[in-house]
Amino acid sequence: FISRQDEGQAVCAEVGAPNLKVQFDCYHCQIVEGDVASKLR
């Protein structure tokens, strides 16, 4: 259902729960988007 880091962050922002965050898998991020360091920053 979700593949991009910004999708995950948008979902967390909309839910608005402080104990909901994104699991950042560098492997998945590199395959889908690249620019892993910038996404981490």
Full PDB file with SEQRES, HELIX, SHEET, SSBOND, CRYST1, ORIGX, SCALE, CONECT and MASTER records, all heavy atoms in Angstrom:
SEQRES   1 A   41  PHE ILE SER ARG GLN ASP GLU GLY GLN ALA VAL CYS ALA          
SEQRES   2 A   41  GLU VAL GLY ALA PRO ASN LEU LYS VAL GLN PHE ASP CYS          
SEQRES   3 A   41  TYR HIS CYS GLN ILE VAL GLU GLY ASP VAL ALA SER LYS          
SEQRES   4 A   41  LEU ARG                                                      
HELIX    1 AA1 GLN A    5  VAL A   15  1                                  11    
HELIX    2 AA2 CYS A   26  VAL A   32  1                                   7    
HELIX    3 AA3 VAL A   36  LEU A   40  1                                   5    
CRYST1    1.000    1.000    1.000  90.00  90.00  90.00 P 1           1          
ORIGX1      1.000000  0.000000  0.000000        0.00000                         
ORIGX2      0.000000  1.000000  0.000000        0.00000                         
ORIGX3      0.000000  0.000000  1.000000        0.00000                         
SCALE1      1.000000  0.000000  0.000000        0.00000                         
SCALE2      0.000000  1.000000  0.000000        0.00000                         
SCALE3      0.000000  0.000000  1.000000        0.00000                         
ATOM      1  N   PHE A   1       0.794  -1.221   0.000  1.00  0.00           N  
ATOM      2  CA  PHE A   1       0.000   0.000   0.000  1.00  0.00           C  
ATOM      3  C   PHE A   1       0.830   1.276   0.000  1.00  0.00           C  
ATOM      4  O   PHE A   1       0.450   2.267  -0.628  1.00  0.00           O  
ATOM      5  CB  PHE A   1      -0.964   0.005   1.193  1.00  0.00           C  
ATOM      6  CG  PHE A   1      -1.948   1.139   1.149  1.00  0.00           C  
ATOM      7  CD1 PHE A   1      -2.883   1.230   0.138  1.00  0.00           C  
ATOM      8  CD2 PHE A   1      -1.933   2.128   2.119  1.00  0.00           C  
ATOM      9  CE1 PHE A   1      -3.797   2.277   0.081  1.00  0.00           C  
ATOM     10  CE2 PHE A   1      -2.839   3.180   2.082  1.00  0.00           C  
ATOM     11  CZ  PHE A   1      -3.771   3.254   1.064  1.00  0.00           C  
ATOM     12  N   ILE A   2       1.957   1.314   0.702  1.00  0.00           N  
ATOM     13  CA  ILE A   2       2.796   2.524   0.698  1.00  0.00           C  
ATOM     14  C   ILE A   2       4.231   2.151   0.330  1.00  0.00           C  
ATOM     15  O   ILE A   2       4.740   1.112   0.753  1.00  0.00           O  
ATOM     16  CB  ILE A   2       2.771   3.294   2.033  1.00  0.00           C  
ATOM     17  CG1 ILE A   2       3.274   2.436   3.195  1.00  0.00           C  
ATOM     18  CG2 ILE A   2       1.376   3.826   2.321  1.00  0.00           C  
ATOM     19  CD1 ILE A   2       3.480   3.229   4.480  1.00  0.00           C  
ATOM     20  N   SER A   3       4.869   3.032  -0.447  1.00  0.00           N  
ATOM     21  CA  SER A   3       6.212   2.727  -0.944  1.00  0.00           C  
ATOM     22  C   SER A   3       7.216   3.848  -0.732  1.00  0.00           C  
ATOM     23  O   SER A   3       8.415   3.611  -0.844  1.00  0.00           O  
ATOM     24  CB  SER A   3       6.161   2.411  -2.450  1.00  0.00           C  
ATOM     25  OG  SER A   3       5.377   1.274  -2.701  1.00  0.00           O  
ATOM     26  N   ARG A   4       6.757   5.057  -0.470  1.00  0.00           N  
ATOM     27  CA  ARG A   4       7.657   6.210  -0.384  1.00  0.00           C  
ATOM     28  C   ARG A   4       7.722   6.753   1.038  1.00  0.00           C  
ATOM     29  O   ARG A   4       6.747   6.695   1.791  1.00  0.00           O  
ATOM     30  CB  ARG A   4       7.185   7.316  -1.324  1.00  0.00           C  
ATOM     31  CG  ARG A   4       7.242   6.975  -2.800  1.00  0.00           C  
ATOM     32  CD  ARG A   4       6.707   8.124  -3.648  1.00  0.00           C  
ATOM     33  NE  ARG A   4       7.454   9.363  -3.373  1.00  0.00           N  
ATOM     34  CZ  ARG A   4       8.597   9.714  -3.990  1.00  0.00           C  
ATOM     35  NH1 ARG A   4       9.102   8.928  -4.929  1.00  0.00           N  
ATOM     36  NH2 ARG A   4       9.212  10.838  -3.679  1.00  0.00           N  
ATOM     37  N   GLN A   5       8.887   7.311   1.353  1.00  0.00           N  
ATOM     38  CA  GLN A   5       9.061   7.898   2.680  1.00  0.00           C  
ATOM     39  C   GLN A   5       8.086   9.048   2.917  1.00  0.00           C  
ATOM     40  O   GLN A   5       7.533   9.188   4.019  1.00  0.00           O  
ATOM     41  CB  GLN A   5      10.506   8.378   2.852  1.00  0.00           C  
ATOM     42  CG  GLN A   5      11.547   7.278   2.816  1.00  0.00           C  
ATOM     43  CD  GLN A   5      11.350   6.255   3.917  1.00  0.00           C  
ATOM     44  OE1 GLN A   5      11.173   6.613   5.072  1.00  0.00           O  
ATOM     45  NE2 GLN A   5      11.380   4.980   3.552  1.00  0.00           N  
ATOM     46  N   ASP A   6       7.863   9.887   1.915  1.00  0.00           N  
ATOM     47  CA  ASP A   6       6.948  11.008   2.132  1.00  0.00           C  
ATOM     48  C   ASP A   6       5.517  10.530   2.346  1.00  0.00           C  
ATOM     49  O   ASP A   6       4.749  11.171   3.082  1.00  0.00           O  
ATOM     50  CB  ASP A   6       7.031  12.042   0.999  1.00  0.00           C  
ATOM     51  CG  ASP A   6       6.831  11.462  -0.390  1.00  0.00           C  
ATOM     52  OD1 ASP A   6       6.551  10.254  -0.516  1.00  0.00           O  
ATOM     53  OD2 ASP A   6       6.963  12.230  -1.372  1.00  0.00           O  
ATOM     54  N   GLU A   7       5.137   9.396   1.731  1.00  0.00           N  
ATOM     55  CA  GLU A   7       3.820   8.813   2.004  1.00  0.00           C  
ATOM     56  C   GLU A   7       3.701   8.429   3.478  1.00  0.00           C  
ATOM     57  O   GLU A   7       2.685   8.711   4.130  1.00  0.00           O  
ATOM     58  CB  GLU A   7       3.597   7.568   1.156  1.00  0.00           C  
ATOM     59  CG  GLU A   7       3.353   7.776  -0.312  1.00  0.00           C  
ATOM     60  CD  GLU A   7       3.119   6.446  -1.003  1.00  0.00           C  
ATOM     61  OE1 GLU A   7       4.079   5.675  -1.163  1.00  0.00           O  
ATOM     62  OE2 GLU A   7       1.960   6.179  -1.362  1.00  0.00           O  
ATOM     63  N   GLY A   8       4.714   7.754   3.977  1.00  0.00           N  
ATOM     64  CA  GLY A   8       4.687   7.339   5.374  1.00  0.00           C  
ATOM     65  C   GLY A   8       4.626   8.527   6.319  1.00  0.00           C  
ATOM     66  O   GLY A   8       3.855   8.537   7.294  1.00  0.00           O  
ATOM     67  N   GLN A   9       5.425   9.544   6.041  1.00  0.00           N  
ATOM     68  CA  GLN A   9       5.429  10.730   6.905  1.00  0.00           C  
ATOM     69  C   GLN A   9       4.085  11.445   6.850  1.00  0.00           C  
ATOM     70  O   GLN A   9       3.599  11.963   7.873  1.00  0.00           O  
ATOM     71  CB  GLN A   9       6.559  11.669   6.503  1.00  0.00           C  
ATOM     72  CG  GLN A   9       7.966  11.120   6.738  1.00  0.00           C  
ATOM     73  CD  GLN A   9       8.287  10.925   8.211  1.00  0.00           C  
ATOM     74  OE1 GLN A   9       7.703  11.558   9.081  1.00  0.00           O  
ATOM     75  NE2 GLN A   9       9.253  10.049   8.491  1.00  0.00           N  
ATOM     76  N   ALA A  10       3.458  11.491   5.676  1.00  0.00           N  
ATOM     77  CA  ALA A  10       2.158  12.149   5.548  1.00  0.00           C  
ATOM     78  C   ALA A  10       1.091  11.401   6.343  1.00  0.00           C  
ATOM     79  O   ALA A  10       0.229  12.029   6.984  1.00  0.00           O  
ATOM     80  CB  ALA A  10       1.765  12.241   4.075  1.00  0.00           C  
ATOM     81  N   VAL A  11       1.126  10.079   6.308  1.00  0.00           N  
ATOM     82  CA  VAL A  11       0.172   9.294   7.086  1.00  0.00           C  
ATOM     83  C   VAL A  11       0.342   9.583   8.572  1.00  0.00           C  
ATOM     84  O   VAL A  11      -0.634   9.818   9.296  1.00  0.00           O  
ATOM     85  CB  VAL A  11       0.349   7.793   6.789  1.00  0.00           C  
ATOM     86  CG1 VAL A  11      -0.376   6.932   7.818  1.00  0.00           C  
ATOM     87  CG2 VAL A  11      -0.157   7.468   5.388  1.00  0.00           C  
ATOM     88  N   CYS A  12       1.579   9.577   9.050  1.00  0.00           N  
ATOM     89  CA  CYS A  12       1.815   9.844  10.471  1.00  0.00           C  
ATOM     90  C   CYS A  12       1.339  11.242  10.860  1.00  0.00           C  
ATOM     91  O   CYS A  12       0.751  11.438  11.935  1.00  0.00           O  
ATOM     92  CB  CYS A  12       3.300   9.682  10.786  1.00  0.00           C  
ATOM     93  SG  CYS A  12       3.878   7.968  10.712  1.00  0.00           S  
ATOM     94  N   ALA A  13       1.589  12.217  10.003  1.00  0.00           N  
ATOM     95  CA  ALA A  13       1.157  13.575  10.293  1.00  0.00           C  
ATOM     96  C   ALA A  13      -0.364  13.656  10.369  1.00  0.00           C  
ATOM     97  O   ALA A  13      -0.913  14.355  11.237  1.00  0.00           O  
ATOM     98  CB  ALA A  13       1.689  14.532   9.230  1.00  0.00           C  
ATOM     99  N   GLU A  14      -1.046  12.953   9.493  1.00  0.00           N  
ATOM    100  CA  GLU A  14      -2.507  13.006   9.495  1.00  0.00           C  
ATOM    101  C   GLU A  14      -3.096  12.277  10.693  1.00  0.00           C  
ATOM    102  O   GLU A  14      -4.097  12.716  11.271  1.00  0.00           O  
ATOM    103  CB  GLU A  14      -3.058  12.437   8.197  1.00  0.00           C  
ATOM    104  CG  GLU A  14      -4.540  12.712   8.005  1.00  0.00           C  
ATOM    105  CD  GLU A  14      -5.010  12.526   6.581  1.00  0.00           C  
ATOM    106  OE1 GLU A  14      -4.153  12.386   5.679  1.00  0.00           O  
ATOM    107  OE2 GLU A  14      -6.239  12.523   6.382  1.00  0.00           O  
ATOM    108  N   VAL A  15      -2.497  11.177  11.079  1.00  0.00           N  
ATOM    109  CA  VAL A  15      -2.964  10.476  12.279  1.00  0.00           C  
ATOM    110  C   VAL A  15      -2.742  11.350  13.514  1.00  0.00           C  
ATOM    111  O   VAL A  15      -3.590  11.436  14.402  1.00  0.00           O  
ATOM    112  CB  VAL A  15      -2.262   9.116  12.422  1.00  0.00           C  
ATOM    113  CG1 VAL A  15      -2.554   8.474  13.775  1.00  0.00           C  
ATOM    114  CG2 VAL A  15      -2.693   8.186  11.295  1.00  0.00           C  
ATOM    115  N   GLY A  16      -1.575  11.981  13.572  1.00  0.00           N  
ATOM    116  CA  GLY A  16      -1.311  12.939  14.634  1.00  0.00           C  
ATOM    117  C   GLY A  16      -0.990  12.343  15.988  1.00  0.00           C  
ATOM    118  O   GLY A  16      -1.104  13.024  17.013  1.00  0.00           O  
ATOM    119  N   ALA A  17      -0.573  11.077  16.024  1.00  0.00           N  
ATOM    120  CA  ALA A  17      -0.232  10.435  17.296  1.00  0.00           C  
ATOM    121  C   ALA A  17       1.272  10.522  17.513  1.00  0.00           C  
ATOM    122  O   ALA A  17       2.047  10.114  16.644  1.00  0.00           O  
ATOM    123  CB  ALA A  17      -0.671   8.977  17.288  1.00  0.00           C  
ATOM    124  N   PRO A  18       1.730  11.005  18.650  1.00  0.00           N  
ATOM    125  CA  PRO A  18       3.176  11.144  18.860  1.00  0.00           C  
ATOM    126  C   PRO A  18       3.920   9.821  18.906  1.00  0.00           C  
ATOM    127  O   PRO A  18       5.140   9.803  18.727  1.00  0.00           O  
ATOM    128  CB  PRO A  18       3.270  11.882  20.205  1.00  0.00           C  
ATOM    129  CG  PRO A  18       1.961  11.648  20.878  1.00  0.00           C  
ATOM    130  CD  PRO A  18       0.944  11.526  19.781  1.00  0.00           C  
ATOM    131  N   ASN A  19       3.211   8.724  19.148  1.00  0.00           N  
ATOM    132  CA  ASN A  19       3.864   7.407  19.202  1.00  0.00           C  
ATOM    133  C   ASN A  19       3.699   6.620  17.906  1.00  0.00           C  
ATOM    134  O   ASN A  19       3.842   5.396  17.887  1.00  0.00           O  
ATOM    135  CB  ASN A  19       3.336   6.589  20.375  1.00  0.00           C  
ATOM    136  CG  ASN A  19       1.856   6.234  20.239  1.00  0.00           C  
ATOM    137  OD1 ASN A  19       1.066   7.055  19.762  1.00  0.00           O  
ATOM    138  ND2 ASN A  19       1.475   5.044  20.647  1.00  0.00           N  
ATOM    139  N   LEU A  20       3.424   7.315  16.804  1.00  0.00           N  
ATOM    140  CA  LEU A  20       3.399   6.691  15.478  1.00  0.00           C  
ATOM    141  C   LEU A  20       4.462   7.346  14.616  1.00  0.00           C  
ATOM    142  O   LEU A  20       4.430   8.557  14.377  1.00  0.00           O  
ATOM    143  CB  LEU A  20       2.032   6.850  14.821  1.00  0.00           C  
ATOM    144  CG  LEU A  20       1.914   6.280  13.398  1.00  0.00           C  
ATOM    145  CD1 LEU A  20       2.042   4.752  13.415  1.00  0.00           C  
ATOM    146  CD2 LEU A  20       0.604   6.708  12.743  1.00  0.00           C  
ATOM    147  N   LYS A  21       5.430   6.537  14.136  1.00  0.00           N  
ATOM    148  CA  LYS A  21       6.504   7.060  13.304  1.00  0.00           C  
ATOM    149  C   LYS A  21       6.771   6.109  12.138  1.00  0.00           C  
ATOM    150  O   LYS A  21       6.132   5.064  12.004  1.00  0.00           O  
ATOM    151  CB  LYS A  21       7.774   7.288  14.137  1.00  0.00           C  
ATOM    152  CG  LYS A  21       7.614   8.384  15.186  1.00  0.00           C  
ATOM    153  CD  LYS A  21       8.943   8.806  15.783  1.00  0.00           C  
ATOM    154  CE  LYS A  21       8.774   9.992  16.716  1.00  0.00           C  
ATOM    155  NZ  LYS A  21      10.080  10.508  17.203  1.00  0.00           N  
ATOM    156  N   VAL A  22       7.723   6.490  11.306  1.00  0.00           N  
ATOM    157  CA  VAL A  22       8.051   5.716  10.107  1.00  0.00           C  
ATOM    158  C   VAL A  22       9.269   4.835  10.365  1.00  0.00           C  
ATOM    159  O   VAL A  22      10.242   5.267  10.987  1.00  0.00           O  
ATOM    160  CB  VAL A  22       8.317   6.658   8.915  1.00  0.00           C  
ATOM    161  CG1 VAL A  22       8.828   5.875   7.705  1.00  0.00           C  
ATOM    162  CG2 VAL A  22       7.042   7.419   8.539  1.00  0.00           C  
ATOM    163  N   GLN A  23       9.197   3.620   9.884  1.00  0.00           N  
ATOM    164  CA  GLN A  23      10.350   2.717   9.875  1.00  0.00           C  
ATOM    165  C   GLN A  23      11.116   2.975   8.583  1.00  0.00           C  
ATOM    166  O   GLN A  23      10.611   2.710   7.490  1.00  0.00           O  
ATOM    167  CB  GLN A  23       9.869   1.278   9.955  1.00  0.00           C  
ATOM    168  CG  GLN A  23      10.974   0.240   9.966  1.00  0.00           C  
ATOM    169  CD  GLN A  23      10.430  -1.120  10.351  1.00  0.00           C  
ATOM    170  OE1 GLN A  23       9.821  -1.292  11.409  1.00  0.00           O  
ATOM    171  NE2 GLN A  23      10.636  -2.107   9.491  1.00  0.00           N  
ATOM    172  N   PHE A  24      12.317   3.510   8.709  1.00  0.00           N  
ATOM    173  CA  PHE A  24      13.111   3.923   7.554  1.00  0.00           C  
ATOM    174  C   PHE A  24      14.064   2.793   7.187  1.00  0.00           C  
ATOM    175  O   PHE A  24      15.110   2.614   7.806  1.00  0.00           O  
ATOM    176  CB  PHE A  24      13.904   5.191   7.896  1.00  0.00           C  
ATOM    177  CG  PHE A  24      14.544   5.861   6.713  1.00  0.00           C  
ATOM    178  CD1 PHE A  24      14.044   7.052   6.228  1.00  0.00           C  
ATOM    179  CD2 PHE A  24      15.655   5.321   6.091  1.00  0.00           C  
ATOM    180  CE1 PHE A  24      14.637   7.687   5.144  1.00  0.00           C  
ATOM    181  CE2 PHE A  24      16.254   5.926   5.016  1.00  0.00           C  
ATOM    182  CZ  PHE A  24      15.737   7.120   4.537  1.00  0.00           C  
ATOM    183  N   ASP A  25      13.678   2.015   6.182  1.00  0.00           N  
ATOM    184  CA  ASP A  25      14.535   0.947   5.678  1.00  0.00           C  
ATOM    185  C   ASP A  25      15.349   1.515   4.518  1.00  0.00           C  
ATOM    186  O   ASP A  25      14.798   1.832   3.457  1.00  0.00           O  
ATOM    187  CB  ASP A  25      13.690  -0.232   5.229  1.00  0.00           C  
ATOM    188  CG  ASP A  25      14.519  -1.468   4.918  1.00  0.00           C  
ATOM    189  OD1 ASP A  25      15.550  -1.331   4.222  1.00  0.00           O  
ATOM    190  OD2 ASP A  25      14.134  -2.568   5.350  1.00  0.00           O  
ATOM    191  N   CYS A  26      16.656   1.628   4.718  1.00  0.00           N  
ATOM    192  CA  CYS A  26      17.521   2.231   3.703  1.00  0.00           C  
ATOM    193  C   CYS A  26      17.460   1.457   2.389  1.00  0.00           C  
ATOM    194  O   CYS A  26      17.561   2.050   1.305  1.00  0.00           O  
ATOM    195  CB  CYS A  26      18.952   2.308   4.208  1.00  0.00           C  
ATOM    196  SG  CYS A  26      19.177   3.358   5.659  1.00  0.00           S  
ATOM    197  N   TYR A  27      17.317   0.146   2.488  1.00  0.00           N  
ATOM    198  CA  TYR A  27      17.225  -0.700   1.291  1.00  0.00           C  
ATOM    199  C   TYR A  27      16.012  -0.321   0.455  1.00  0.00           C  
ATOM    200  O   TYR A  27      16.118  -0.067  -0.752  1.00  0.00           O  
ATOM    201  CB  TYR A  27      17.166  -2.165   1.739  1.00  0.00           C  
ATOM    202  CG  TYR A  27      16.777  -3.153   0.681  1.00  0.00           C  
ATOM    203  CD1 TYR A  27      17.704  -3.616  -0.251  1.00  0.00           C  
ATOM    204  CD2 TYR A  27      15.476  -3.655   0.630  1.00  0.00           C  
ATOM    205  CE1 TYR A  27      17.345  -4.552  -1.212  1.00  0.00           C  
ATOM    206  CE2 TYR A  27      15.109  -4.593  -0.333  1.00  0.00           C  
ATOM    207  CZ  TYR A  27      16.046  -5.035  -1.249  1.00  0.00           C  
ATOM    208  OH  TYR A  27      15.675  -5.953  -2.203  1.00  0.00           O  
ATOM    209  N   HIS A  28      14.839  -0.279   1.069  1.00  0.00           N  
ATOM    210  CA  HIS A  28      13.624   0.072   0.329  1.00  0.00           C  
ATOM    211  C   HIS A  28      13.699   1.489  -0.207  1.00  0.00           C  
ATOM    212  O   HIS A  28      13.303   1.767  -1.350  1.00  0.00           O  
ATOM    213  CB  HIS A  28      12.399  -0.084   1.218  1.00  0.00           C  
ATOM    214  CG  HIS A  28      12.093  -1.494   1.595  1.00  0.00           C  
ATOM    215  ND1 HIS A  28      11.910  -2.500   0.674  1.00  0.00           N  
ATOM    216  CD2 HIS A  28      11.932  -2.079   2.811  1.00  0.00           C  
ATOM    217  CE1 HIS A  28      11.652  -3.635   1.297  1.00  0.00           C  
ATOM    218  NE2 HIS A  28      11.659  -3.407   2.597  1.00  0.00           N  
ATOM    219  N   CYS A  29      14.191   2.413   0.611  1.00  0.00           N  
ATOM    220  CA  CYS A  29      14.268   3.812   0.192  1.00  0.00           C  
ATOM    221  C   CYS A  29      15.167   3.973  -1.029  1.00  0.00           C  
ATOM    222  O   CYS A  29      14.825   4.693  -1.974  1.00  0.00           O  
ATOM    223  CB  CYS A  29      14.749   4.683   1.346  1.00  0.00           C  
ATOM    224  SG  CYS A  29      14.827   6.450   0.949  1.00  0.00           S  
ATOM    225  N   GLN A  30      16.304   3.316  -1.032  1.00  0.00           N  
ATOM    226  CA  GLN A  30      17.221   3.434  -2.163  1.00  0.00           C  
ATOM    227  C   GLN A  30      16.595   2.898  -3.443  1.00  0.00           C  
ATOM    228  O   GLN A  30      16.742   3.495  -4.516  1.00  0.00           O  
ATOM    229  CB  GLN A  30      18.530   2.704  -1.865  1.00  0.00           C  
ATOM    230  CG  GLN A  30      19.509   2.622  -3.024  1.00  0.00           C  
ATOM    231  CD  GLN A  30      20.092   3.959  -3.434  1.00  0.00           C  
ATOM    232  OE1 GLN A  30      19.842   4.989  -2.792  1.00  0.00           O  
ATOM    233  NE2 GLN A  30      20.873   3.972  -4.497  1.00  0.00           N  
ATOM    234  N   ILE A  31      15.880   1.787  -3.353  1.00  0.00           N  
ATOM    235  CA  ILE A  31      15.279   1.197  -4.545  1.00  0.00           C  
ATOM    236  C   ILE A  31      14.176   2.088  -5.100  1.00  0.00           C  
ATOM    237  O   ILE A  31      14.071   2.301  -6.314  1.00  0.00           O  
ATOM    238  CB  ILE A  31      14.741  -0.210  -4.226  1.00  0.00           C  
ATOM    239  CG1 ILE A  31      15.911  -1.179  -3.995  1.00  0.00           C  
ATOM    240  CG2 ILE A  31      13.842  -0.730  -5.355  1.00  0.00           C  
ATOM    241  CD1 ILE A  31      15.504  -2.532  -3.477  1.00  0.00           C  
ATOM    242  N   VAL A  32      13.362   2.658  -4.235  1.00  0.00           N  
ATOM    243  CA  VAL A  32      12.210   3.440  -4.689  1.00  0.00           C  
ATOM    244  C   VAL A  32      12.597   4.861  -5.065  1.00  0.00           C  
ATOM    245  O   VAL A  32      12.161   5.402  -6.079  1.00  0.00           O  
ATOM    246  CB  VAL A  32      11.122   3.474  -3.600  1.00  0.00           C  
ATOM    247  CG1 VAL A  32       9.948   4.366  -4.027  1.00  0.00           C  
ATOM    248  CG2 VAL A  32      10.619   2.059  -3.299  1.00  0.00           C  
ATOM    249  N   GLU A  33      13.443   5.498  -4.220  1.00  0.00           N  
ATOM    250  CA  GLU A  33      13.665   6.932  -4.346  1.00  0.00           C  
ATOM    251  C   GLU A  33      15.123   7.329  -4.536  1.00  0.00           C  
ATOM    252  O   GLU A  33      15.408   8.345  -5.168  1.00  0.00           O  
ATOM    253  CB  GLU A  33      13.137   7.644  -3.096  1.00  0.00           C  
ATOM    254  CG  GLU A  33      11.692   7.331  -2.775  1.00  0.00           C  
ATOM    255  CD  GLU A  33      11.276   7.904  -1.438  1.00  0.00           C  
ATOM    256  OE1 GLU A  33      11.277   9.150  -1.297  1.00  0.00           O  
ATOM    257  OE2 GLU A  33      10.966   7.111  -0.529  1.00  0.00           O  
ATOM    258  N   GLY A  34      16.043   6.575  -3.942  1.00  0.00           N  
ATOM    259  CA  GLY A  34      17.432   7.016  -3.913  1.00  0.00           C  
ATOM    260  C   GLY A  34      17.598   8.217  -2.999  1.00  0.00           C  
ATOM    261  O   GLY A  34      16.694   8.585  -2.244  1.00  0.00           O  
ATOM    262  N   ASP A  35      18.788   8.828  -3.057  1.00  0.00           N  
ATOM    263  CA  ASP A  35      19.043  10.045  -2.270  1.00  0.00           C  
ATOM    264  C   ASP A  35      18.742   9.795  -0.795  1.00  0.00           C  
ATOM    265  O   ASP A  35      18.089  10.603  -0.124  1.00  0.00           O  
ATOM    266  CB  ASP A  35      18.199  11.196  -2.820  1.00  0.00           C  
ATOM    267  CG  ASP A  35      18.776  12.566  -2.482  1.00  0.00           C  
ATOM    268  OD1 ASP A  35      19.930  12.632  -2.022  1.00  0.00           O  
ATOM    269  OD2 ASP A  35      18.058  13.564  -2.671  1.00  0.00           O  
ATOM    270  N   VAL A  36      19.225   8.667  -0.281  1.00  0.00           N  
ATOM    271  CA  VAL A  36      18.875   8.223   1.062  1.00  0.00           C  
ATOM    272  C   VAL A  36      19.298   9.234   2.121  1.00  0.00           C  
ATOM    273  O   VAL A  36      18.547   9.522   3.063  1.00  0.00           O  
ATOM    274  CB  VAL A  36      19.508   6.843   1.345  1.00  0.00           C  
ATOM    275  CG1 VAL A  36      19.322   6.445   2.794  1.00  0.00           C  
ATOM    276  CG2 VAL A  36      18.903   5.795   0.417  1.00  0.00           C  
ATOM    277  N   ALA A  37      20.493   9.800   1.974  1.00  0.00           N  
ATOM    278  CA  ALA A  37      20.977  10.738   2.987  1.00  0.00           C  
ATOM    279  C   ALA A  37      20.052  11.945   3.106  1.00  0.00           C  
ATOM    280  O   ALA A  37      19.747  12.408   4.220  1.00  0.00           O  
ATOM    281  CB  ALA A  37      22.401  11.185   2.661  1.00  0.00           C  
ATOM    282  N   SER A  38      19.593  12.459   1.977  1.00  0.00           N  
ATOM    283  CA  SER A  38      18.697  13.616   2.018  1.00  0.00           C  
ATOM    284  C   SER A  38      17.367  13.266   2.667  1.00  0.00           C  
ATOM    285  O   SER A  38      16.781  14.085   3.394  1.00  0.00           O  
ATOM    286  CB  SER A  38      18.458  14.167   0.619  1.00  0.00           C  
ATOM    287  OG  SER A  38      19.640  14.748   0.103  1.00  0.00           O  
ATOM    288  N   LYS A  39      16.883  12.045   2.416  1.00  0.00           N  
ATOM    289  CA  LYS A  39      15.629  11.626   3.042  1.00  0.00           C  
ATOM    290  C   LYS A  39      15.808  11.507   4.556  1.00  0.00           C  
ATOM    291  O   LYS A  39      14.908  11.878   5.322  1.00  0.00           O  
ATOM    292  CB  LYS A  39      15.159  10.296   2.456  1.00  0.00           C  
ATOM    293  CG  LYS A  39      14.976  10.276   0.945  1.00  0.00           C  
ATOM    294  CD  LYS A  39      13.977  11.301   0.472  1.00  0.00           C  
ATOM    295  CE  LYS A  39      13.667  11.186  -1.012  1.00  0.00           C  
ATOM    296  NZ  LYS A  39      14.826  11.287  -1.903  1.00  0.00           N  
ATOM    297  N   LEU A  40      16.939  10.992   4.982  1.00  0.00           N  
ATOM    298  CA  LEU A  40      17.194  10.914   6.424  1.00  0.00           C  
ATOM    299  C   LEU A  40      17.249  12.309   7.050  1.00  0.00           C  
ATOM    300  O   LEU A  40      16.654  12.549   8.109  1.00  0.00           O  
ATOM    301  CB  LEU A  40      18.499  10.171   6.689  1.00  0.00           C  
ATOM    302  CG  LEU A  40      18.452   8.648   6.560  1.00  0.00           C  
ATOM    303  CD1 LEU A  40      19.863   8.070   6.521  1.00  0.00           C  
ATOM    304  CD2 LEU A  40      17.669   8.034   7.722  1.00  0.00           C  
ATOM    305  N   ARG A  41      17.956  13.223   6.397  1.00  0.00           N  
ATOM    306  CA  ARG A  41      18.038  14.586   6.930  1.00  0.00           C  
ATOM    307  C   ARG A  41      16.652  15.222   7.014  1.00  0.00           C  
ATOM    308  O   ARG A  41      16.310  15.886   7.996  1.00  0.00           O  
ATOM    309  CB  ARG A  41      18.951  15.445   6.049  1.00  0.00           C  
ATOM    310  CG  ARG A  41      20.424  15.094   6.112  1.00  0.00           C  
ATOM    311  CD  ARG A  41      21.260  16.136   5.376  1.00  0.00           C  
ATOM    312  NE  ARG A  41      22.664  15.773   5.360  1.00  0.00           N  
ATOM    313  CZ  ARG A  41      23.266  15.167   4.333  1.00  0.00           C  
ATOM    314  NH1 ARG A  41      22.567  14.855   3.247  1.00  0.00           N  
ATOM    315  NH2 ARG A  41      24.548  14.865   4.400  1.00  0.00           N  
TER     316      ARG A  41                                                      
MASTER        0    0    0    3    0    0    0    6  315    1    0    4          
END                                                                             
